[in-house]
Protein backbone atom coordinates (compact mmCIF):
# COMPACT_ATOMS: atom_id res chain seq x y z
CA MET A 1 0.00 0.00 0.00
CA GLY A 2 1.16 3.51 -0.73
CA GLY A 3 1.59 6.43 1.61
CA VAL A 4 -2.05 7.61 1.57
CA GLY A 5 -5.26 5.58 1.74
CA LEU A 6 -8.15 6.84 -0.39
CA TYR A 7 -11.68 5.45 -0.66
CA THR A 8 -12.53 5.00 -4.34
CA ARG A 9 -15.74 3.08 -3.66
CA ARG A 10 -18.14 2.58 -0.75
CA ASN A 11 -20.41 -0.38 0.01
CA PRO A 12 -18.47 -2.48 -0.71
CA ASP A 13 -15.48 -0.37 0.25
CA ARG A 14 -12.38 -0.13 -1.88
CA VAL A 15 -9.33 1.75 -0.62
CA ARG A 16 -6.40 2.55 -2.89
CA GLY A 17 -2.94 3.36 -1.66
CA VAL A 18 -1.50 6.38 -3.47
CA ASP A 19 2.06 7.61 -3.32
CA ILE A 20 1.32 11.35 -3.14
CA ALA A 21 -1.94 13.31 -3.04
CA PHE A 22 -2.73 17.02 -3.13
CA ILE A 23 -6.02 18.05 -1.53
CA SER A 24 -6.87 21.73 -1.25
CA TYR A 25 -8.46 23.38 1.77
CA GLN A 26 -11.53 23.96 -0.41
CA ARG A 27 -12.06 20.20 -0.64
CA LEU A 28 -10.85 19.30 2.83
CA PRO A 29 -11.45 22.12 5.29
CA GLY A 30 -10.34 21.53 8.83
CA HIS A 31 -7.97 18.80 9.87
CA MET A 32 -6.73 15.59 8.32
CA PRO A 33 -8.83 12.44 8.77
CA LYS A 34 -7.54 9.78 11.16
CA ALA A 35 -8.28 6.99 8.71
CA TYR A 36 -8.57 6.99 4.94
CA PHE A 37 -9.47 10.00 2.81
CA THR A 38 -13.08 10.19 1.69
CA VAL A 39 -12.51 13.37 -0.35
CA ALA A 40 -11.04 13.16 -3.84
CA PRO A 41 -7.68 14.93 -4.17
CA GLU A 42 -7.19 17.40 -6.99
CA LEU A 43 -3.94 15.64 -7.88
CA ILE A 44 -2.60 12.13 -7.36
CA ILE A 45 1.01 11.24 -8.11
CA GLU A 46 1.95 7.60 -8.63
CA ILE A 47 5.53 6.39 -8.95
CA VAL A 48 5.94 3.23 -11.01
CA SER A 49 8.00 0.47 -9.43
CA PRO A 50 9.42 -2.55 -11.28
CA THR A 51 6.70 -4.81 -9.84
CA ASP A 52 3.74 -2.60 -10.87
CA ARG A 53 1.44 -3.75 -13.67
CA TRP A 54 -0.12 -1.33 -16.15
CA SER A 55 -3.45 -3.13 -15.87
CA ASP A 56 -3.54 -2.04 -12.21
CA PHE A 57 -2.77 1.57 -13.18
CA ARG A 58 -5.56 1.58 -15.76
CA GLN A 59 -8.01 0.39 -13.11
CA LYS A 60 -6.77 3.01 -10.64
CA LEU A 61 -7.15 5.76 -13.25
CA GLU A 62 -10.79 4.77 -13.84
CA GLU A 63 -11.47 4.82 -10.11
CA TYR A 64 -9.63 8.09 -9.44
CA PHE A 65 -11.44 10.04 -12.15
CA SER A 66 -14.81 8.50 -11.22
CA ILE A 67 -14.57 10.07 -7.73
CA GLY A 68 -13.53 13.54 -8.95
CA VAL A 69 -9.74 13.55 -9.10
CA GLU A 70 -8.72 16.25 -11.61
CA ARG A 71 -5.19 15.12 -12.57
CA VAL A 72 -3.00 12.07 -12.17
CA TRP A 73 0.74 12.18 -12.75
CA ILE A 74 2.41 8.82 -13.26
CA ILE A 75 6.17 8.98 -12.90
CA GLU A 76 8.15 6.26 -14.64
CA PRO A 77 11.72 6.35 -13.24
CA GLU A 78 12.97 3.55 -15.51
CA ASP A 79 11.94 5.36 -18.72
CA ARG A 80 12.45 8.80 -17.14
CA VAL A 81 9.05 10.09 -18.23
CA VAL A 82 5.93 11.53 -16.63
CA LEU A 83 2.45 10.74 -17.92
CA VAL A 84 -0.02 13.54 -17.16
CA TYR A 85 -3.62 12.28 -17.17
CA ARG A 86 -6.54 14.72 -17.47
CA SER A 87 -9.00 11.82 -17.69
CA SER A 88 -8.66 8.06 -17.69
CA THR A 89 -8.12 8.15 -21.46
CA GLU A 90 -6.45 11.54 -22.13
CA SER A 91 -2.78 11.86 -21.31
CA THR A 92 0.38 13.70 -22.27
CA ARG A 93 3.80 12.04 -22.16
CA LEU A 94 6.60 14.28 -20.91
CA THR A 95 10.28 13.40 -21.31
CA GLU A 96 13.38 14.81 -19.63
CA THR A 97 13.48 17.68 -22.12
CA ASP A 98 9.95 18.80 -21.15
CA THR A 99 8.59 20.87 -18.29
CA LEU A 100 5.93 19.61 -15.88
CA ARG A 101 3.34 22.33 -15.29
CA GLY A 102 0.59 22.45 -12.72
CA GLU A 103 -2.95 23.16 -13.82
CA GLY A 104 -6.05 24.36 -12.00
CA LEU A 105 -5.22 25.06 -8.36
CA LEU A 106 -1.58 24.16 -9.08
CA ASP A 107 -1.32 26.70 -11.89
CA GLY A 108 2.10 28.29 -11.60
CA PHE A 109 3.88 25.13 -10.51
CA ILE A 110 6.73 24.52 -12.98
CA MET A 111 9.44 21.85 -12.81
CA PRO A 112 11.76 20.47 -15.46
CA VAL A 113 11.02 16.76 -15.77
CA ALA A 114 14.77 16.08 -15.70
CA ASP A 115 14.85 17.40 -12.10
CA LEU A 116 12.69 14.45 -11.01
CA PHE A 117 15.40 12.04 -12.05
CA MET A 118 18.50 13.86 -10.82
CA GLN A 119 20.91 11.71 -8.89
CA GLU A 120 23.26 13.04 -6.25
């Protein structure tokens, strides 16, 4: 399981572990829940590991967008690319020569994709 638990379905419950999530104060006023998130984040970031299967990512994308997630960034360290999803079927592939840009509430966020893969 990832770093954050998120309900993607209730009755029966399904909880997905996500690596990183951004939830604004507009969606989640007050304090953090003690258990899993019931509010859809604006942005979910998933980092692909060697054991991950793309069929699982496709299923997660369907679930994330069905609950109101606005963007999903999938980071592929092995190929050194970022896939930016605006829906479960619409994506942009960014390489190390591209710039990752936030949209919506994250408008103004700018980061060279190459910076994600820098090694010290």
